[in-house]
Amino acid sequence: MSQRIGIIVGSLRENSFNQMIANSIPELVDSAEFEYISIANLPLYKSLQV
């Protein structure tokens, strides 16, 4: 059974450097299963979206 790891990126900006790094993690580590957890629906961030 592989490990499940959640990836949270603290930026909603398009072309975020943190998002780019997060997207490369599954390519580098094949011994785990990754799930992206969006902060877009959190109240603090949801009110900041344009």
PDB file of N, CA and C in Angstrom:
ATOM      1  N   MET A   1       0.848  -1.182   0.000  1.00  0.00           N
ATOM      2  CA  MET A   1       0.000   0.000   0.000  1.00  0.00           C
ATOM      3  C   MET A   1       0.892   1.244   0.000  1.00  0.00           C
ATOM      4  N   SER A   2       0.634   2.158  -0.937  1.00  0.00           N
ATOM      5  CA  SER A   2       1.425   3.385  -1.000  1.00  0.00           C
ATOM      6  C   SER A   2       0.847   4.440  -0.064  1.00  0.00           C
ATOM      7  N   GLN A   3       1.683   5.360   0.284  1.00  0.00           N
ATOM      8  CA  GLN A   3       1.249   6.466   1.146  1.00  0.00           C
ATOM      9  C   GLN A   3       0.453   7.464   0.326  1.00  0.00           C
ATOM     10  N   ARG A   4      -0.515   8.122   0.984  1.00  0.00           N
ATOM     11  CA  ARG A   4      -1.274   9.210   0.351  1.00  0.00           C
ATOM     12  C   ARG A   4      -0.802  10.501   0.994  1.00  0.00           C
ATOM     13  N   ILE A   5      -0.401  11.448   0.190  1.00  0.00           N
ATOM     14  CA  ILE A   5       0.134  12.717   0.675  1.00  0.00           C
ATOM     15  C   ILE A   5      -0.667  13.846   0.054  1.00  0.00           C
ATOM     16  N   GLY A   6      -1.126  14.774   0.896  1.00  0.00           N
ATOM     17  CA  GLY A   6      -1.857  15.943   0.419  1.00  0.00           C
ATOM     18  C   GLY A   6      -0.896  17.080   0.140  1.00  0.00           C
ATOM     19  N   ILE A   7      -1.103  17.753  -0.964  1.00  0.00           N
ATOM     20  CA  ILE A   7      -0.282  18.900  -1.347  1.00  0.00           C
ATOM     21  C   ILE A   7      -1.163  20.138  -1.303  1.00  0.00           C
ATOM     22  N   ILE A   8      -0.771  21.095  -0.474  1.00  0.00           N
ATOM     23  CA  ILE A   8      -1.501  22.359  -0.351  1.00  0.00           C
ATOM     24  C   ILE A   8      -0.592  23.478  -0.853  1.00  0.00           C
ATOM     25  N   VAL A   9      -1.089  24.245  -1.808  1.00  0.00           N
ATOM     26  CA  VAL A   9      -0.350  25.392  -2.327  1.00  0.00           C
ATOM     27  C   VAL A   9      -1.028  26.644  -1.793  1.00  0.00           C
ATOM     28  N   GLY A  10      -0.263  27.500  -1.155  1.00  0.00           N
ATOM     29  CA  GLY A  10      -0.818  28.690  -0.516  1.00  0.00           C
ATOM     30  C   GLY A  10      -0.933  29.888  -1.440  1.00  0.00           C
ATOM     31  N   SER A  11      -1.151  29.646  -2.717  1.00  0.00           N
ATOM     32  CA  SER A  11      -1.301  30.741  -3.665  1.00  0.00           C
ATOM     33  C   SER A  11      -2.360  30.372  -4.686  1.00  0.00           C
ATOM     34  N   LEU A  12      -3.181  31.335  -5.033  1.00  0.00           N
ATOM     35  CA  LEU A  12      -4.193  31.132  -6.077  1.00  0.00           C
ATOM     36  C   LEU A  12      -3.781  31.796  -7.389  1.00  0.00           C
ATOM     37  N   ARG A  13      -2.616  32.424  -7.371  1.00  0.00           N
ATOM     38  CA  ARG A  13      -2.149  33.158  -8.536  1.00  0.00           C
ATOM     39  C   ARG A  13      -1.832  32.213  -9.684  1.00  0.00           C
ATOM     40  N   GLU A  14      -2.274  32.563 -10.870  1.00  0.00           N
ATOM     41  CA  GLU A  14      -1.946  31.774 -12.054  1.00  0.00           C
ATOM     42  C   GLU A  14      -0.440  31.843 -12.265  1.00  0.00           C
ATOM     43  N   ASN A  15       0.168  30.737 -12.640  1.00  0.00           N
ATOM     44  CA  ASN A  15       1.617  30.627 -12.840  1.00  0.00           C
ATOM     45  C   ASN A  15       2.417  30.829 -11.553  1.00  0.00           C
ATOM     46  N   SER A  16       1.836  30.452 -10.430  1.00  0.00           N
ATOM     47  CA  SER A  16       2.515  30.533  -9.143  1.00  0.00           C
ATOM     48  C   SER A  16       3.729  29.605  -9.143  1.00  0.00           C
ATOM     49  N   PHE A  17       4.860  30.086  -8.610  1.00  0.00           N
ATOM     50  CA  PHE A  17       6.055  29.260  -8.524  1.00  0.00           C
ATOM     51  C   PHE A  17       5.809  28.066  -7.601  1.00  0.00           C
ATOM     52  N   ASN A  18       5.063  28.295  -6.516  1.00  0.00           N
ATOM     53  CA  ASN A  18       4.756  27.202  -5.598  1.00  0.00           C
ATOM     54  C   ASN A  18       3.917  26.132  -6.286  1.00  0.00           C
ATOM     55  N   GLN A  19       2.994  26.536  -7.137  1.00  0.00           N
ATOM     56  CA  GLN A  19       2.174  25.567  -7.876  1.00  0.00           C
ATOM     57  C   GLN A  19       3.033  24.769  -8.843  1.00  0.00           C
ATOM     58  N   MET A  20       3.981  25.427  -9.471  1.00  0.00           N
ATOM     59  CA  MET A  20       4.875  24.731 -10.392  1.00  0.00           C
ATOM     60  C   MET A  20       5.697  23.671  -9.663  1.00  0.00           C
ATOM     61  N   ILE A  21       6.181  24.006  -8.491  1.00  0.00           N
ATOM     62  CA  ILE A  21       6.940  23.052  -7.686  1.00  0.00           C
ATOM     63  C   ILE A  21       6.041  21.898  -7.262  1.00  0.00           C
ATOM     64  N   ALA A  22       4.839  22.216  -6.790  1.00  0.00           N
ATOM     65  CA  ALA A  22       3.895  21.182  -6.357  1.00  0.00           C
ATOM     66  C   ALA A  22       3.562  20.234  -7.503  1.00  0.00           C
ATOM     67  N   ASN A  23       3.434  20.755  -8.705  1.00  0.00           N
ATOM     68  CA  ASN A  23       3.115  19.916  -9.859  1.00  0.00           C
ATOM     69  C   ASN A  23       4.253  18.965 -10.218  1.00  0.00           C
ATOM     70  N   SER A  24       5.476  19.324  -9.861  1.00  0.00           N
ATOM     71  CA  SER A  24       6.614  18.462 -10.206  1.00  0.00           C
ATOM     72  C   SER A  24       6.850  17.357  -9.177  1.00  0.00           C
ATOM     73  N   ILE A  25       6.292  17.470  -7.988  1.00  0.00           N
ATOM     74  CA  ILE A  25       6.532  16.472  -6.938  1.00  0.00           C
ATOM     75  C   ILE A  25       6.104  15.070  -7.354  1.00  0.00           C
ATOM     76  N   PRO A  26       4.898  14.855  -7.884  1.00  0.00           N
ATOM     77  CA  PRO A  26       4.519  13.494  -8.271  1.00  0.00           C
ATOM     78  C   PRO A  26       5.430  12.884  -9.341  1.00  0.00           C
ATOM     79  N   GLU A  27       6.036  13.709 -10.167  1.00  0.00           N
ATOM     80  CA  GLU A  27       6.958  13.209 -11.188  1.00  0.00           C
ATOM     81  C   GLU A  27       8.263  12.721 -10.567  1.00  0.00           C
ATOM     82  N   LEU A  28       8.631  13.294  -9.424  1.00  0.00           N
ATOM     83  CA  LEU A  28       9.894  12.958  -8.772  1.00  0.00           C
ATOM     84  C   LEU A  28       9.782  11.801  -7.793  1.00  0.00           C
ATOM     85  N   VAL A  29       8.593  11.603  -7.230  1.00  0.00           N
ATOM     86  CA  VAL A  29       8.385  10.570  -6.212  1.00  0.00           C
ATOM     87  C   VAL A  29       7.287   9.636  -6.696  1.00  0.00           C
ATOM     88  N   ASP A  30       7.667   8.412  -7.012  1.00  0.00           N
ATOM     89  CA  ASP A  30       6.667   7.472  -7.514  1.00  0.00           C
ATOM     90  C   ASP A  30       6.213   6.471  -6.457  1.00  0.00           C
ATOM     91  N   SER A  31       6.715   6.593  -5.242  1.00  0.00           N
ATOM     92  CA  SER A  31       6.360   5.638  -4.193  1.00  0.00           C
ATOM     93  C   SER A  31       5.176   6.103  -3.344  1.00  0.00           C
ATOM     94  N   ALA A  32       4.502   7.170  -3.758  1.00  0.00           N
ATOM     95  CA  ALA A  32       3.367   7.692  -2.990  1.00  0.00           C
ATOM     96  C   ALA A  32       2.296   8.192  -3.951  1.00  0.00           C
ATOM     97  N   GLU A  33       1.095   8.338  -3.409  1.00  0.00           N
ATOM     98  CA  GLU A  33      -0.035   8.872  -4.160  1.00  0.00           C
ATOM     99  C   GLU A  33      -0.297  10.284  -3.640  1.00  0.00           C
ATOM    100  N   PHE A  34      -0.437  11.244  -4.528  1.00  0.00           N
ATOM    101  CA  PHE A  34      -0.590  12.641  -4.138  1.00  0.00           C
ATOM    102  C   PHE A  34      -1.977  13.157  -4.475  1.00  0.00           C
ATOM    103  N   GLU A  35      -2.470  14.031  -3.612  1.00  0.00           N
ATOM    104  CA  GLU A  35      -3.765  14.671  -3.832  1.00  0.00           C
ATOM    105  C   GLU A  35      -3.599  16.165  -3.593  1.00  0.00           C
ATOM    106  N   TYR A  36      -4.044  16.962  -4.551  1.00  0.00           N
ATOM    107  CA  TYR A  36      -3.979  18.420  -4.404  1.00  0.00           C
ATOM    108  C   TYR A  36      -5.178  18.896  -3.598  1.00  0.00           C
ATOM    109  N   ILE A  37      -4.918  19.718  -2.613  1.00  0.00           N
ATOM    110  CA  ILE A  37      -5.971  20.260  -1.761  1.00  0.00           C
ATOM    111  C   ILE A  37      -6.036  21.760  -2.028  1.00  0.00           C
ATOM    112  N   SER A  38      -7.152  22.201  -2.572  1.00  0.00           N
ATOM    113  CA  SER A  38      -7.307  23.603  -2.964  1.00  0.00           C
ATOM    114  C   SER A  38      -7.677  24.473  -1.775  1.00  0.00           C
ATOM    115  N   ILE A  39      -7.076  25.659  -1.741  1.00  0.00           N
ATOM    116  CA  ILE A  39      -7.442  26.638  -0.711  1.00  0.00           C
ATOM    117  C   ILE A  39      -8.500  27.604  -1.236  1.00  0.00           C
ATOM    118  N   ALA A  40      -8.906  27.434  -2.482  1.00  0.00           N
ATOM    119  CA  ALA A  40      -9.833  28.371  -3.128  1.00  0.00           C
ATOM    120  C   ALA A  40     -11.169  28.489  -2.410  1.00  0.00           C
ATOM    121  N   ASN A  41     -11.604  27.437  -1.722  1.00  0.00           N
ATOM    122  CA  ASN A  41     -12.905  27.476  -1.056  1.00  0.00           C
ATOM    123  C   ASN A  41     -12.835  27.905   0.403  1.00  0.00           C
ATOM    124  N   LEU A  42     -11.649  28.189   0.901  1.00  0.00           N
ATOM    125  CA  LEU A  42     -11.537  28.701   2.267  1.00  0.00           C
ATOM    126  C   LEU A  42     -12.026  30.143   2.301  1.00  0.00           C
ATOM    127  N   PRO A  43     -12.799  30.538   3.300  1.00  0.00           N
ATOM    128  CA  PRO A  43     -13.409  31.880   3.321  1.00  0.00           C
ATOM    129  C   PRO A  43     -12.427  33.022   3.122  1.00  0.00           C
ATOM    130  N   LEU A  44     -11.261  32.968   3.746  1.00  0.00           N
ATOM    131  CA  LEU A  44     -10.298  34.060   3.621  1.00  0.00           C
ATOM    132  C   LEU A  44      -9.868  34.241   2.170  1.00  0.00           C
ATOM    133  N   TYR A  45      -9.592  33.158   1.474  1.00  0.00           N
ATOM    134  CA  TYR A  45      -9.114  33.229   0.103  1.00  0.00           C
ATOM    135  C   TYR A  45     -10.252  33.422  -0.892  1.00  0.00           C
ATOM    136  N   LYS A  46     -11.396  32.869  -0.595  1.00  0.00           N
ATOM    137  CA  LYS A  46     -12.537  32.981  -1.506  1.00  0.00           C
ATOM    138  C   LYS A  46     -12.937  34.447  -1.693  1.00  0.00           C
ATOM    139  N   SER A  47     -12.848  35.250  -0.633  1.00  0.00           N
ATOM    140  CA  SER A  47     -13.243  36.662  -0.727  1.00  0.00           C
ATOM    141  C   SER A  47     -12.206  37.484  -1.486  1.00  0.00           C
ATOM    142  N   LEU A  48     -10.982  36.943  -1.657  1.00  0.00           N
ATOM    143  CA  LEU A  48      -9.938  37.678  -2.348  1.00  0.00           C
ATOM    144  C   LEU A  48      -9.899  37.412  -3.850  1.00  0.00           C
ATOM    145  N   GLN A  49     -10.620  36.391  -4.307  1.00  0.00           N
ATOM    146  CA  GLN A  49     -10.600  36.054  -5.729  1.00  0.00           C
ATOM    147  C   GLN A  49     -11.283  37.150  -6.537  1.00  0.00           C
ATOM    148  N   VAL A  50     -10.688  37.422  -7.678  1.00  0.00           N
ATOM    149  CA  VAL A  50     -11.245  38.439  -8.573  1.00  0.00           C
ATOM    150  C   VAL A  50     -11.862  37.791  -9.766  1.00  0.00           C
TER     151      VAL A  50
END
